[in-house]
Amino acid sequence: MRLASLVIVAGAAVSACSGDGAGPGPSGPHLAFTVQPSTTTAGQVIAPGVQVSVQDASGNLVASATPAITLALQLSSPGAVILSGQTTVTAAGGVAVFADLSITKSNTSFTLTAAASGVPKATSAAFAVLPAAATAIAPAGGDGQMAGVGSSVPQPPSVLATDVFGNPVPGVGVTFAIASGGGTVDGAAQTTGSDGIAAVASWTMGNAPGPNTLSATSASLAGSTVTFNATATPIATAVTVEVRNDFFRSLRNGSGGSSTFLASYARDTIAVGGTVTWVWVGQNHNVTPAFSGSSLSGTQNAPFTLGPITFTSPGTYTYRCTNHSQLLGDLIVGMAGVIIIR
């Protein structure tokens, strides 16, 4: 049962209801966002200033109310997000205006809460804080890899563009280019996505063993040019692939996915006349040509070894475990691998 209580707001007597605040609407004096926070840019003042008013049960302004009203960020999970500016304002004529609020962390959906003594809290509409202009670029992944001469590195190199506050910035143009080693790059012109990352489509090593380098540049951002290093190794004549749960893993270069259904492919390059051996580490798997032909192994459990199998013609051999992958046209989703014969 709810009990009526008397709330004194700056000397004005108004009736309110105690309880959990549940119900179709306020039954007494309450706070309301009368100017909602609007979309802004990281580090910039939210404009127009956020306004919170004291209202009675009918939504009318209580002009005699002068409480101290405090704003705070309402976060779904803890994090280093700071609401800057004057966050506590004493209402004048029942209205508190917060004229200098800012947030440096970008997010698509922040909300604010308003609190004052003796009245229920209010929650604002959701608003976004967009990243500021990009100021820096840095490597995000793909440095220090190895791949056979004339073959692609397992992980396409990528960069991260950030603003002065460290927020990822989308829409930043990045150009990748071969710096040394004589290889090739596919998808040299890229734009950062919503996560601030831009990745080259693929980076293929040159035809001689040794160091290869790739550059990534973006206008005058700090950290540009980013340089990625890789080593072109002689083409292997024998490789071993582990058959794991539930992905293939190359023991030569470490390519292959994690233990998820949407795992990445194991990728190996061998010379014509080279061999591939598959070694079972997991259970209930097979090695089967991806798009045609019968299984090379049948379904097996560890310990089991297939091969060595010799590949005598140049080309690309794609394989999968039919128990843990699906064909979507010419795409394999799940447990698969690729052998390039050169």
C-alpha atoms as a PDB file:
ATOM      1  CA  MET A   1       0.000   0.000   0.000  1.00  0.00           C
ATOM      2  CA  ARG A   2       1.392   3.402  -0.945  1.00  0.00           C
ATOM      3  CA  LEU A   3       1.471   6.100   1.727  1.00  0.00           C
ATOM      4  CA  ALA A   4       1.205   9.782   0.946  1.00  0.00           C
ATOM      5  CA  SER A   5       4.086  11.853   2.330  1.00  0.00           C
ATOM      6  CA  LEU A   6       4.888  15.538   2.387  1.00  0.00           C
ATOM      7  CA  VAL A   7       7.934  16.704   0.422  1.00  0.00           C
ATOM      8  CA  ILE A   8       9.390  20.147   1.044  1.00  0.00           C
ATOM      9  CA  VAL A   9      11.111  21.592  -2.033  1.00  0.00           C
ATOM     10  CA  ALA A  10      12.905  24.838  -1.186  1.00  0.00           C
ATOM     11  CA  GLY A  11      10.227  25.796   1.297  1.00  0.00           C
ATOM     12  CA  ALA A  12       7.273  24.926  -0.955  1.00  0.00           C
ATOM     13  CA  ALA A  13       5.005  22.215   0.424  1.00  0.00           C
ATOM     14  CA  VAL A  14       3.898  19.722  -2.207  1.00  0.00           C
ATOM     15  CA  SER A  15       2.403  16.280  -1.771  1.00  0.00           C
ATOM     16  CA  ALA A  16       4.145  13.215  -3.181  1.00  0.00           C
ATOM     17  CA  CYS A  17       3.820   9.443  -3.015  1.00  0.00           C
ATOM     18  CA  SER A  18       6.482   7.208  -1.667  1.00  0.00           C
ATOM     19  CA  GLY A  19       7.142   3.846  -3.282  1.00  0.00           C
ATOM     20  CA  ASP A  20       9.030   2.421  -6.202  1.00  0.00           C
ATOM     21  CA  GLY A  21       7.792   4.902  -8.833  1.00  0.00           C
ATOM     22  CA  ALA A  22       5.984   2.207 -10.844  1.00  0.00           C
ATOM     23  CA  GLY A  23       2.723   3.134 -12.520  1.00  0.00           C
ATOM     24  CA  PRO A  24       1.381   5.023 -15.502  1.00  0.00           C
ATOM     25  CA  GLY A  25       2.888   8.374 -14.529  1.00  0.00           C
ATOM     26  CA  PRO A  26       4.201  10.551 -11.681  1.00  0.00           C
ATOM     27  CA  SER A  27       1.780  11.037  -8.828  1.00  0.00           C
ATOM     28  CA  GLY A  28       3.577  14.005  -7.282  1.00  0.00           C
ATOM     29  CA  PRO A  29       6.469  16.396  -7.843  1.00  0.00           C
ATOM     30  CA  HIS A  30       9.062  14.934 -10.182  1.00  0.00           C
ATOM     31  CA  LEU A  31      11.971  15.837 -12.410  1.00  0.00           C
ATOM     32  CA  ALA A  32      11.619  15.997 -16.181  1.00  0.00           C
ATOM     33  CA  PHE A  33      14.083  16.625 -18.988  1.00  0.00           C
ATOM     34  CA  THR A  34      12.535  19.630 -20.715  1.00  0.00           C
ATOM     35  CA  VAL A  35      15.515  20.043 -23.066  1.00  0.00           C
ATOM     36  CA  GLN A  36      16.891  16.622 -23.956  1.00  0.00           C
ATOM     37  CA  PRO A  37      20.604  15.962 -24.596  1.00  0.00           C
ATOM     38  CA  SER A  38      21.302  16.053 -28.321  1.00  0.00           C
ATOM     39  CA  THR A  39      23.809  14.265 -30.538  1.00  0.00           C
ATOM     40  CA  THR A  40      27.231  15.796 -30.122  1.00  0.00           C
ATOM     41  CA  THR A  41      30.896  15.200 -30.931  1.00  0.00           C
ATOM     42  CA  ALA A  42      33.413  13.821 -28.452  1.00  0.00           C
ATOM     43  CA  GLY A  43      34.875  16.647 -26.378  1.00  0.00           C
ATOM     44  CA  GLN A  44      32.324  19.188 -27.584  1.00  0.00           C
ATOM     45  CA  VAL A  45      29.723  20.873 -25.368  1.00  0.00           C
ATOM     46  CA  ILE A  46      26.238  19.401 -25.669  1.00  0.00           C
ATOM     47  CA  ALA A  47      24.161  22.155 -27.250  1.00  0.00           C
ATOM     48  CA  PRO A  48      21.619  23.411 -26.571  1.00  0.00           C
ATOM     49  CA  GLY A  49      22.254  22.983 -22.852  1.00  0.00           C
ATOM     50  CA  VAL A  50      20.389  20.155 -21.160  1.00  0.00           C
ATOM     51  CA  GLN A  51      17.454  21.445 -19.102  1.00  0.00           C
ATOM     52  CA  VAL A  52      15.759  19.667 -16.184  1.00  0.00           C
ATOM     53  CA  SER A  53      12.619  21.024 -14.557  1.00  0.00           C
ATOM     54  CA  VAL A  54      10.614  20.264 -11.429  1.00  0.00           C
ATOM     55  CA  GLN A  55       7.021  19.496 -12.367  1.00  0.00           C
ATOM     56  CA  ASP A  56       3.889  18.647 -10.465  1.00  0.00           C
ATOM     57  CA  ALA A  57       1.759  15.567 -11.088  1.00  0.00           C
ATOM     58  CA  SER A  58       0.028  17.310 -14.012  1.00  0.00           C
ATOM     59  CA  GLY A  59       3.296  18.226 -15.712  1.00  0.00           C
ATOM     60  CA  ASN A  60       3.171  21.888 -14.703  1.00  0.00           C
ATOM     61  CA  LEU A  61       6.344  23.707 -13.717  1.00  0.00           C
ATOM     62  CA  VAL A  62       6.818  24.136  -9.954  1.00  0.00           C
ATOM     63  CA  ALA A  63       8.372  27.586 -10.164  1.00  0.00           C
ATOM     64  CA  SER A  64       8.954  27.829  -6.419  1.00  0.00           C
ATOM     65  CA  ALA A  65      11.210  24.743  -6.408  1.00  0.00           C
ATOM     66  CA  THR A  66      14.947  25.379  -6.089  1.00  0.00           C
ATOM     67  CA  PRO A  67      16.581  21.977  -5.464  1.00  0.00           C
ATOM     68  CA  ALA A  68      20.140  21.063  -6.386  1.00  0.00           C
ATOM     69  CA  ILE A  69      19.832  18.748  -9.393  1.00  0.00           C
ATOM     70  CA  THR A  70      22.663  16.369 -10.323  1.00  0.00           C
ATOM     71  CA  LEU A  71      23.166  14.708 -13.705  1.00  0.00           C
ATOM     72  CA  ALA A  72      25.017  11.432 -14.240  1.00  0.00           C
ATOM     73  CA  LEU A  73      25.666   9.086 -17.121  1.00  0.00           C
ATOM     74  CA  GLN A  74      23.609   5.922 -17.040  1.00  0.00           C
ATOM     75  CA  LEU A  75      25.865   3.119 -18.268  1.00  0.00           C
ATOM     76  CA  SER A  76      24.912  -0.444 -19.131  1.00  0.00           C
ATOM     77  CA  SER A  77      28.398  -1.557 -18.090  1.00  0.00           C
ATOM     78  CA  PRO A  78      31.149   0.122 -16.063  1.00  0.00           C
ATOM     79  CA  GLY A  79      33.784   1.949 -18.031  1.00  0.00           C
ATOM     80  CA  ALA A  80      36.047   4.951 -18.128  1.00  0.00           C
ATOM     81  CA  VAL A  81      33.383   7.367 -19.375  1.00  0.00           C
ATOM     82  CA  ILE A  82      33.380  10.822 -17.802  1.00  0.00           C
ATOM     83  CA  LEU A  83      30.639  13.407 -17.956  1.00  0.00           C
ATOM     84  CA  SER A  84      32.514  16.716 -17.811  1.00  0.00           C
ATOM     85  CA  GLY A  85      31.220  20.161 -16.949  1.00  0.00           C
ATOM     86  CA  GLN A  86      29.018  21.409 -14.128  1.00  0.00           C
ATOM     87  CA  THR A  87      26.934  18.356 -13.312  1.00  0.00           C
ATOM     88  CA  THR A  88      25.140  19.793 -10.264  1.00  0.00           C
ATOM     89  CA  VAL A  89      23.046  22.942 -10.755  1.00  0.00           C
ATOM     90  CA  THR A  90      20.636  24.611  -8.336  1.00  0.00           C
ATOM     91  CA  ALA A  91      17.306  25.129 -10.053  1.00  0.00           C
ATOM     92  CA  ALA A  92      16.044  28.695 -10.464  1.00  0.00           C
ATOM     93  CA  GLY A  93      12.313  29.072 -10.906  1.00  0.00           C
ATOM     94  CA  GLY A  94      12.047  25.278 -10.949  1.00  0.00           C
ATOM     95  CA  VAL A  95      14.508  24.925 -13.860  1.00  0.00           C
ATOM     96  CA  ALA A  96      18.163  23.827 -13.943  1.00  0.00           C
ATOM     97  CA  VAL A  97      20.191  24.438 -17.110  1.00  0.00           C
ATOM     98  CA  PHE A  98      23.400  22.473 -17.703  1.00  0.00           C
ATOM     99  CA  ALA A  99      25.271  24.610 -20.208  1.00  0.00           C
ATOM    100  CA  ASP A 100      28.753  23.061 -20.419  1.00  0.00           C
ATOM    101  CA  LEU A 101      28.369  19.270 -20.438  1.00  0.00           C
ATOM    102  CA  SER A 102      30.670  17.181 -22.608  1.00  0.00           C
ATOM    103  CA  ILE A 103      31.778  13.556 -23.025  1.00  0.00           C
ATOM    104  CA  THR A 104      35.006  12.363 -24.628  1.00  0.00           C
ATOM    105  CA  LYS A 105      33.946   8.740 -25.186  1.00  0.00           C
ATOM    106  CA  SER A 106      32.001   8.035 -28.380  1.00  0.00           C
ATOM    107  CA  ASN A 107      28.897   5.873 -28.165  1.00  0.00           C
ATOM    108  CA  THR A 108      25.723   5.487 -30.179  1.00  0.00           C
ATOM    109  CA  SER A 109      23.404   5.447 -27.163  1.00  0.00           C
ATOM    110  CA  PHE A 110      24.098   7.313 -23.928  1.00  0.00           C
ATOM    111  CA  THR A 111      21.417   8.373 -21.447  1.00  0.00           C
ATOM    112  CA  LEU A 112      21.529  10.767 -18.501  1.00  0.00           C
ATOM    113  CA  THR A 113      19.824  10.526 -15.127  1.00  0.00           C
ATOM    114  CA  ALA A 114      18.741  13.547 -13.104  1.00  0.00           C
ATOM    115  CA  ALA A 115      18.476  13.317  -9.324  1.00  0.00           C
ATOM    116  CA  ALA A 116      17.444  15.678  -6.529  1.00  0.00           C
ATOM    117  CA  SER A 117      16.587  15.192  -2.881  1.00  0.00           C
ATOM    118  CA  GLY A 118      13.011  14.163  -2.228  1.00  0.00           C
ATOM    119  CA  VAL A 119      11.856  13.519  -5.784  1.00  0.00           C
ATOM    120  CA  PRO A 120      12.142  10.506  -8.117  1.00  0.00           C
ATOM    121  CA  LYS A 121      14.997  10.353 -10.617  1.00  0.00           C
ATOM    122  CA  ALA A 122      14.384  11.111 -14.284  1.00  0.00           C
ATOM    123  CA  THR A 123      16.046   9.513 -17.290  1.00  0.00           C
ATOM    124  CA  SER A 124      16.750  11.334 -20.537  1.00  0.00           C
ATOM    125  CA  ALA A 125      16.167  10.171 -24.066  1.00  0.00           C
ATOM    126  CA  ALA A 126      19.088   8.331 -25.646  1.00  0.00           C
ATOM    127  CA  PHE A 127      21.659  10.410 -27.493  1.00  0.00           C
ATOM    128  CA  ALA A 128      24.858   9.749 -29.425  1.00  0.00           C
ATOM    129  CA  VAL A 129      28.375  11.047 -29.010  1.00  0.00           C
ATOM    130  CA  LEU A 130      30.227  10.865 -32.323  1.00  0.00           C
ATOM    131  CA  PRO A 131      33.999  10.530 -32.564  1.00  0.00           C
ATOM    132  CA  ALA A 132      35.964  13.671 -33.295  1.00  0.00           C
ATOM    133  CA  ALA A 133      38.076  14.021 -36.424  1.00  0.00           C
ATOM    134  CA  ALA A 134      40.779  11.406 -36.837  1.00  0.00           C
ATOM    135  CA  THR A 135      44.174  12.467 -35.551  1.00  0.00           C
ATOM    136  CA  ALA A 136      46.201   9.248 -35.514  1.00  0.00           C
ATOM    137  CA  ILE A 137      46.656   5.918 -37.224  1.00  0.00           C
ATOM    138  CA  ALA A 138      48.293   2.787 -35.801  1.00  0.00           C
ATOM    139  CA  PRO A 139      48.689  -0.888 -36.706  1.00  0.00           C
ATOM    140  CA  ALA A 140      45.714  -3.026 -35.685  1.00  0.00           C
ATOM    141  CA  GLY A 141      46.953  -6.448 -36.771  1.00  0.00           C
ATOM    142  CA  GLY A 142      48.881  -8.417 -39.353  1.00  0.00           C
ATOM    143  CA  ASP A 143      52.487  -7.450 -38.626  1.00  0.00           C
ATOM    144  CA  GLY A 144      55.387  -9.908 -38.388  1.00  0.00           C
ATOM    145  CA  GLN A 145      53.910 -12.748 -40.450  1.00  0.00           C
ATOM    146  CA  MET A 146      55.444 -15.439 -42.644  1.00  0.00           C
ATOM    147  CA  ALA A 147      54.221 -16.785 -45.968  1.00  0.00           C
ATOM    148  CA  GLY A 148      55.674 -18.756 -48.823  1.00  0.00           C
ATOM    149  CA  VAL A 149      57.105 -16.831 -51.758  1.00  0.00           C
ATOM    150  CA  GLY A 150      54.321 -15.800 -54.094  1.00  0.00           C
ATOM    151  CA  SER A 151      51.629 -16.546 -51.514  1.00  0.00           C
ATOM    152  CA  SER A 152      49.455 -14.355 -49.294  1.00  0.00           C
ATOM    153  CA  VAL A 153      49.992 -13.779 -45.597  1.00  0.00           C
ATOM    154  CA  PRO A 154      47.334 -15.516 -43.446  1.00  0.00           C
ATOM    155  CA  GLN A 155      46.058 -12.290 -41.820  1.00  0.00           C
ATOM    156  CA  PRO A 156      45.473  -9.201 -44.011  1.00  0.00           C
ATOM    157  CA  PRO A 157      47.270  -6.260 -42.342  1.00  0.00           C
ATOM    158  CA  SER A 158      44.990  -3.617 -40.829  1.00  0.00           C
ATOM    159  CA  VAL A 159      45.205  -0.186 -39.221  1.00  0.00           C
ATOM    160  CA  LEU A 160      43.111   1.660 -36.646  1.00  0.00           C
ATOM    161  CA  ALA A 161      42.222   5.353 -37.004  1.00  0.00           C
ATOM    162  CA  THR A 162      41.441   7.230 -33.775  1.00  0.00           C
ATOM    163  CA  ASP A 163      40.573  10.736 -32.647  1.00  0.00           C
ATOM    164  CA  VAL A 164      42.441  12.722 -29.986  1.00  0.00           C
ATOM    165  CA  PHE A 165      40.481  10.885 -27.281  1.00  0.00           C
ATOM    166  CA  GLY A 166      41.274   7.404 -28.621  1.00  0.00           C
ATOM    167  CA  ASN A 167      37.834   6.790 -30.135  1.00  0.00           C
ATOM    168  CA  PRO A 168      37.786   4.710 -33.356  1.00  0.00           C
ATOM    169  CA  VAL A 169      36.892   6.896 -36.327  1.00  0.00           C
ATOM    170  CA  PRO A 170      34.947   5.556 -39.344  1.00  0.00           C
ATOM    171  CA  GLY A 171      35.188   6.872 -42.890  1.00  0.00           C
ATOM    172  CA  VAL A 172      38.945   7.506 -42.927  1.00  0.00           C
ATOM    173  CA  GLY A 173      40.691   6.743 -46.205  1.00  0.00           C
ATOM    174  CA  VAL A 174      43.796   4.536 -46.037  1.00  0.00           C
ATOM    175  CA  THR A 175      46.138   3.588 -48.867  1.00  0.00           C
ATOM    176  CA  PHE A 176      48.218   0.415 -48.700  1.00  0.00           C
ATOM    177  CA  ALA A 177      51.275  -0.007 -50.942  1.00  0.00           C
ATOM    178  CA  ILE A 178      54.190  -2.403 -51.407  1.00  0.00           C
ATOM    179  CA  ALA A 179      57.304  -0.877 -49.841  1.00  0.00           C
ATOM    180  CA  SER A 180      59.826  -3.657 -50.491  1.00  0.00           C
ATOM    181  CA  GLY A 181      60.101  -7.295 -51.502  1.00  0.00           C
ATOM    182  CA  GLY A 182      58.306  -7.042 -54.824  1.00  0.00           C
ATOM    183  CA  GLY A 183      55.023  -8.548 -53.745  1.00  0.00           C
ATOM    184  CA  THR A 184      51.531  -7.407 -54.647  1.00  0.00           C
ATOM    185  CA  VAL A 185      48.611  -5.940 -52.747  1.00  0.00           C
ATOM    186  CA  ASP A 186      44.922  -6.446 -53.484  1.00  0.00           C
ATOM    187  CA  GLY A 187      42.449  -3.820 -52.313  1.00  0.00           C
ATOM    188  CA  ALA A 188      45.003  -1.071 -51.752  1.00  0.00           C
ATOM    189  CA  ALA A 189      42.452   1.735 -51.222  1.00  0.00           C
ATOM    190  CA  GLN A 190      40.383   1.157 -48.094  1.00  0.00           C
ATOM    191  CA  THR A 191      38.134   3.132 -45.735  1.00  0.00           C
ATOM    192  CA  THR A 192      37.841   2.550 -42.005  1.00  0.00           C
ATOM    193  CA  GLY A 193      34.614   0.944 -40.835  1.00  0.00           C
ATOM    194  CA  SER A 194      32.496   1.673 -37.779  1.00  0.00           C
ATOM    195  CA  ASP A 195      35.215   0.074 -35.636  1.00  0.00           C
ATOM    196  CA  GLY A 196      37.822   2.483 -37.050  1.00  0.00           C
ATOM    197  CA  ILE A 197      39.687  -0.359 -38.768  1.00  0.00           C
ATOM    198  CA  ALA A 198      40.727  -0.621 -42.409  1.00  0.00           C
ATOM    199  CA  ALA A 199      42.270  -3.850 -43.706  1.00  0.00           C
ATOM    200  CA  VAL A 200      43.920  -4.582 -47.015  1.00  0.00           C
ATOM    201  CA  ALA A 201      42.161  -7.319 -49.003  1.00  0.00           C
ATOM    202  CA  SER A 202      45.338  -9.415 -49.289  1.00  0.00           C
ATOM    203  CA  TRP A 203      49.125  -9.082 -49.305  1.00  0.00           C
ATOM    204  CA  THR A 204      51.113 -11.489 -51.482  1.00  0.00           C
ATOM    205  CA  MET A 205      54.830 -12.037 -50.970  1.00  0.00           C
ATOM    206  CA  GLY A 206      57.389 -11.477 -53.693  1.00  0.00           C
ATOM    207  CA  ASN A 207      59.019 -14.309 -55.610  1.00  0.00           C
ATOM    208  CA  ALA A 208      62.279 -14.357 -53.647  1.00  0.00           C
ATOM    209  CA  PRO A 209      62.752 -15.475 -50.059  1.00  0.00           C
ATOM    210  CA  GLY A 210      63.417 -12.680 -47.579  1.00  0.00           C
ATOM    211  CA  PRO A 211      61.893  -9.570 -46.022  1.00  0.00           C
ATOM    212  CA  ASN A 212      58.801  -7.898 -47.457  1.00  0.00           C
ATOM    213  CA  THR A 213      57.255  -4.644 -46.249  1.00  0.00           C
ATOM    214  CA  LEU A 214      53.873  -3.011 -46.774  1.00  0.00           C
ATOM    215  CA  SER A 215      53.012   0.613 -46.017  1.00  0.00           C
ATOM    216  CA  ALA A 216      49.707   2.156 -44.946  1.00  0.00           C
ATOM    217  CA  THR A 217      49.243   5.908 -45.176  1.00  0.00           C
ATOM    218  CA  SER A 218      46.391   8.261 -44.351  1.00  0.00           C
ATOM    219  CA  ALA A 219      46.815  11.961 -45.092  1.00  0.00           C
ATOM    220  CA  SER A 220      48.698  13.733 -42.301  1.00  0.00           C
ATOM    221  CA  LEU A 221      47.536  11.592 -39.381  1.00  0.00           C
ATOM    222  CA  ALA A 222      50.039  11.024 -36.600  1.00  0.00           C
ATOM    223  CA  GLY A 223      51.649   7.619 -37.022  1.00  0.00           C
ATOM    224  CA  SER A 224      51.357   7.626 -40.796  1.00  0.00           C
ATOM    225  CA  THR A 225      53.158   5.865 -42.452  1.00  0.00           C
ATOM    226  CA  VAL A 226      52.489   2.504 -40.770  1.00  0.00           C
ATOM    227  CA  THR A 227      54.875  -0.231 -41.912  1.00  0.00           C
ATOM    228  CA  PHE A 228      54.081  -3.945 -41.825  1.00  0.00           C
ATOM    229  CA  ASN A 229      56.851  -6.546 -42.000  1.00  0.00           C
ATOM    230  CA  ALA A 230      56.633 -10.087 -43.305  1.00  0.00           C
ATOM    231  CA  THR A 231      59.053 -12.779 -44.352  1.00  0.00           C
ATOM    232  CA  ALA A 232      58.748 -14.670 -47.623  1.00  0.00           C
ATOM    233  CA  THR A 233      59.882 -18.235 -47.056  1.00  0.00           C
ATOM    234  CA  PRO A 234      60.895 -20.805 -49.656  1.00  0.00           C
ATOM    235  CA  ILE A 235      57.952 -22.788 -50.973  1.00  0.00           C
ATOM    236  CA  ALA A 236      57.437 -25.800 -48.762  1.00  0.00           C
ATOM    237  CA  THR A 237      57.720 -29.306 -50.145  1.00  0.00           C
ATOM    238  CA  ALA A 238      55.839 -30.844 -47.215  1.00  0.00           C
ATOM    239  CA  VAL A 239      53.278 -29.430 -44.782  1.00  0.00           C
ATOM    240  CA  THR A 240      51.229 -30.842 -41.942  1.00  0.00           C
ATOM    241  CA  VAL A 241      47.693 -29.771 -41.082  1.00  0.00           C
ATOM    242  CA  GLU A 242      46.051 -30.574 -37.760  1.00  0.00           C
ATOM    243  CA  VAL A 243      42.406 -31.638 -37.813  1.00  0.00           C
ATOM    244  CA  ARG A 244      41.151 -29.968 -34.640  1.00  0.00           C
ATOM    245  CA  ASN A 245      37.786 -29.367 -32.940  1.00  0.00           C
ATOM    246  CA  ASP A 246      36.384 -27.753 -35.039  1.00  0.00           C
ATOM    247  CA  PHE A 247      38.891 -26.235 -37.444  1.00  0.00           C
ATOM    248  CA  PHE A 248      41.980 -27.062 -39.472  1.00  0.00           C
ATOM    249  CA  ARG A 249      45.307 -25.564 -38.334  1.00  0.00           C
ATOM    250  CA  SER A 250      48.485 -25.319 -40.447  1.00  0.00           C
ATOM    251  CA  LEU A 251      51.525 -26.301 -38.410  1.00  0.00           C
ATOM    252  CA  ARG A 252      53.747 -24.446 -40.863  1.00  0.00           C
ATOM    253  CA  ASN A 253      52.299 -20.950 -40.493  1.00  0.00           C
ATOM    254  CA  GLY A 254      49.632 -21.156 -37.784  1.00  0.00           C
ATOM    255  CA  SER A 255      46.769 -20.218 -40.087  1.00  0.00           C
ATOM    256  CA  GLY A 256      43.337 -21.576 -39.288  1.00  0.00           C
ATOM    257  CA  GLY A 257      40.480 -20.604 -37.050  1.00  0.00           C
ATOM    258  CA  SER A 258      39.607 -20.829 -33.422  1.00  0.00           C
ATOM    259  CA  SER A 259      37.184 -23.311 -31.930  1.00  0.00           C
ATOM    260  CA  THR A 260      34.114 -21.656 -33.419  1.00  0.00           C
ATOM    261  CA  PHE A 261      31.810 -22.797 -36.180  1.00  0.00           C
ATOM    262  CA  LEU A 262      32.625 -19.702 -38.259  1.00  0.00           C
ATOM    263  CA  ALA A 263      36.333 -20.452 -38.178  1.00  0.00           C
ATOM    264  CA  SER A 264      38.867 -19.079 -40.662  1.00  0.00           C
ATOM    265  CA  TYR A 265      40.560 -21.325 -43.214  1.00  0.00           C
ATOM    266  CA  ALA A 266      43.904 -23.028 -42.788  1.00  0.00           C
ATOM    267  CA  ARG A 267      46.087 -21.909 -45.708  1.00  0.00           C
ATOM    268  CA  ASP A 268      49.265 -23.507 -47.030  1.00  0.00           C
ATOM    269  CA  THR A 269      51.410 -23.154 -50.136  1.00  0.00           C
ATOM    270  CA  ILE A 270      53.511 -26.042 -51.438  1.00  0.00           C
ATOM    271  CA  ALA A 271      55.686 -26.664 -54.455  1.00  0.00           C
ATOM    272  CA  VAL A 272      54.448 -28.853 -57.287  1.00  0.00           C
ATOM    273  CA  GLY A 273      55.247 -32.393 -56.228  1.00  0.00           C
ATOM    274  CA  GLY A 274      54.965 -31.440 -52.547  1.00  0.00           C
ATOM    275  CA  THR A 275      52.958 -33.321 -49.951  1.00  0.00           C
ATOM    276  CA  VAL A 276      50.297 -32.595 -47.346  1.00  0.00           C
ATOM    277  CA  THR A 277      49.649 -34.700 -44.256  1.00  0.00           C
ATOM    278  CA  TRP A 278      46.551 -34.304 -42.090  1.00  0.00           C
ATOM    279  CA  VAL A 279      46.828 -35.368 -38.445  1.00  0.00           C
ATOM    280  CA  TRP A 280      43.655 -35.786 -36.353  1.00  0.00           C
ATOM    281  CA  VAL A 281      43.624 -34.025 -32.977  1.00  0.00           C
ATOM    282  CA  GLY A 282      39.839 -33.810 -32.726  1.00  0.00           C
ATOM    283  CA  GLN A 283      36.966 -36.233 -33.074  1.00  0.00           C
ATOM    284  CA  ASN A 284      34.358 -36.909 -35.785  1.00  0.00           C
ATOM    285  CA  HIS A 285      36.026 -35.104 -38.704  1.00  0.00           C
ATOM    286  CA  ASN A 286      36.869 -35.816 -42.327  1.00  0.00           C
ATOM    287  CA  VAL A 287      38.922 -34.333 -45.164  1.00  0.00           C
ATOM    288  CA  THR A 288      36.799 -33.971 -48.278  1.00  0.00           C
ATOM    289  CA  PRO A 289      37.242 -31.987 -51.520  1.00  0.00           C
ATOM    290  CA  ALA A 290      35.200 -28.852 -50.973  1.00  0.00           C
ATOM    291  CA  PHE A 291      33.059 -28.810 -54.094  1.00  0.00           C
ATOM    292  CA  SER A 292      33.307 -32.242 -55.728  1.00  0.00           C
ATOM    293  CA  GLY A 293      34.615 -35.732 -55.136  1.00  0.00           C
ATOM    294  CA  SER A 294      34.337 -38.252 -52.350  1.00  0.00           C
ATOM    295  CA  SER A 295      35.977 -37.956 -48.951  1.00  0.00           C
ATOM    296  CA  LEU A 296      39.707 -38.671 -48.836  1.00  0.00           C
ATOM    297  CA  SER A 297      39.557 -39.926 -45.275  1.00  0.00           C
ATOM    298  CA  GLY A 298      36.028 -40.742 -44.234  1.00  0.00           C
ATOM    299  CA  THR A 299      35.002 -39.605 -40.763  1.00  0.00           C
ATOM    300  CA  GLN A 300      37.758 -40.372 -38.254  1.00  0.00           C
ATOM    301  CA  ASN A 301      38.718 -39.788 -34.630  1.00  0.00           C
ATOM    302  CA  ALA A 302      42.122 -39.027 -33.140  1.00  0.00           C
ATOM    303  CA  PRO A 303      44.621 -40.558 -33.401  1.00  0.00           C
ATOM    304  CA  PHE A 304      44.479 -40.829 -37.182  1.00  0.00           C
ATOM    305  CA  THR A 305      46.729 -39.669 -40.040  1.00  0.00           C
ATOM    306  CA  LEU A 306      45.905 -39.048 -43.684  1.00  0.00           C
ATOM    307  CA  GLY A 307      48.825 -38.872 -46.069  1.00  0.00           C
ATOM    308  CA  PRO A 308      51.265 -37.743 -47.056  1.00  0.00           C
ATOM    309  CA  ILE A 309      49.315 -36.961 -50.228  1.00  0.00           C
ATOM    310  CA  THR A 310      51.320 -35.669 -53.206  1.00  0.00           C
ATOM    311  CA  PHE A 311      50.040 -32.793 -55.397  1.00  0.00           C
ATOM    312  CA  THR A 312      51.535 -32.948 -58.881  1.00  0.00           C
ATOM    313  CA  SER A 313      49.782 -30.053 -60.691  1.00  0.00           C
ATOM    314  CA  PRO A 314      49.750 -26.312 -59.927  1.00  0.00           C
ATOM    315  CA  GLY A 315      46.455 -24.872 -58.754  1.00  0.00           C
ATOM    316  CA  THR A 316      44.290 -24.474 -55.677  1.00  0.00           C
ATOM    317  CA  TYR A 317      42.910 -27.361 -53.656  1.00  0.00           C
ATOM    318  CA  THR A 318      40.122 -26.486 -51.228  1.00  0.00           C
ATOM    319  CA  TYR A 319      38.964 -29.013 -48.662  1.00  0.00           C
ATOM    320  CA  ARG A 320      36.529 -29.157 -45.755  1.00  0.00           C
ATOM    321  CA  CYS A 321      35.028 -31.334 -43.054  1.00  0.00           C
ATOM    322  CA  THR A 322      31.507 -32.073 -44.248  1.00  0.00           C
ATOM    323  CA  ASN A 323      30.376 -32.710 -40.663  1.00  0.00           C
ATOM    324  CA  HIS A 324      31.271 -29.186 -39.558  1.00  0.00           C
ATOM    325  CA  SER A 325      30.818 -26.918 -42.572  1.00  0.00           C
ATOM    326  CA  GLN A 326      28.191 -25.802 -45.044  1.00  0.00           C
ATOM    327  CA  LEU A 327      28.321 -24.759 -48.680  1.00  0.00           C
ATOM    328  CA  LEU A 328      26.698 -21.453 -49.578  1.00  0.00           C
ATOM    329  CA  GLY A 329      27.269 -21.318 -53.324  1.00  0.00           C
ATOM    330  CA  ASP A 330      31.049 -21.049 -53.720  1.00  0.00           C
ATOM    331  CA  LEU A 331      31.518 -20.073 -50.058  1.00  0.00           C
ATOM    332  CA  ILE A 332      32.356 -22.514 -47.293  1.00  0.00           C
ATOM    333  CA  VAL A 333      31.078 -21.600 -43.860  1.00  0.00           C
ATOM    334  CA  GLY A 334      32.863 -23.462 -41.112  1.00  0.00           C
ATOM    335  CA  MET A 335      35.719 -25.955 -41.044  1.00  0.00           C
ATOM    336  CA  ALA A 336      37.811 -25.688 -44.232  1.00  0.00           C
ATOM    337  CA  GLY A 337      41.291 -25.212 -45.631  1.00  0.00           C
ATOM    338  CA  VAL A 338      43.132 -24.247 -48.814  1.00  0.00           C
ATOM    339  CA  ILE A 339      46.265 -25.676 -50.400  1.00  0.00           C
ATOM    340  CA  ILE A 340      47.942 -23.613 -53.123  1.00  0.00           C
ATOM    341  CA  ILE A 341      50.256 -25.653 -55.349  1.00  0.00           C
ATOM    342  CA  ARG A 342      52.882 -23.552 -57.201  1.00  0.00           C
END
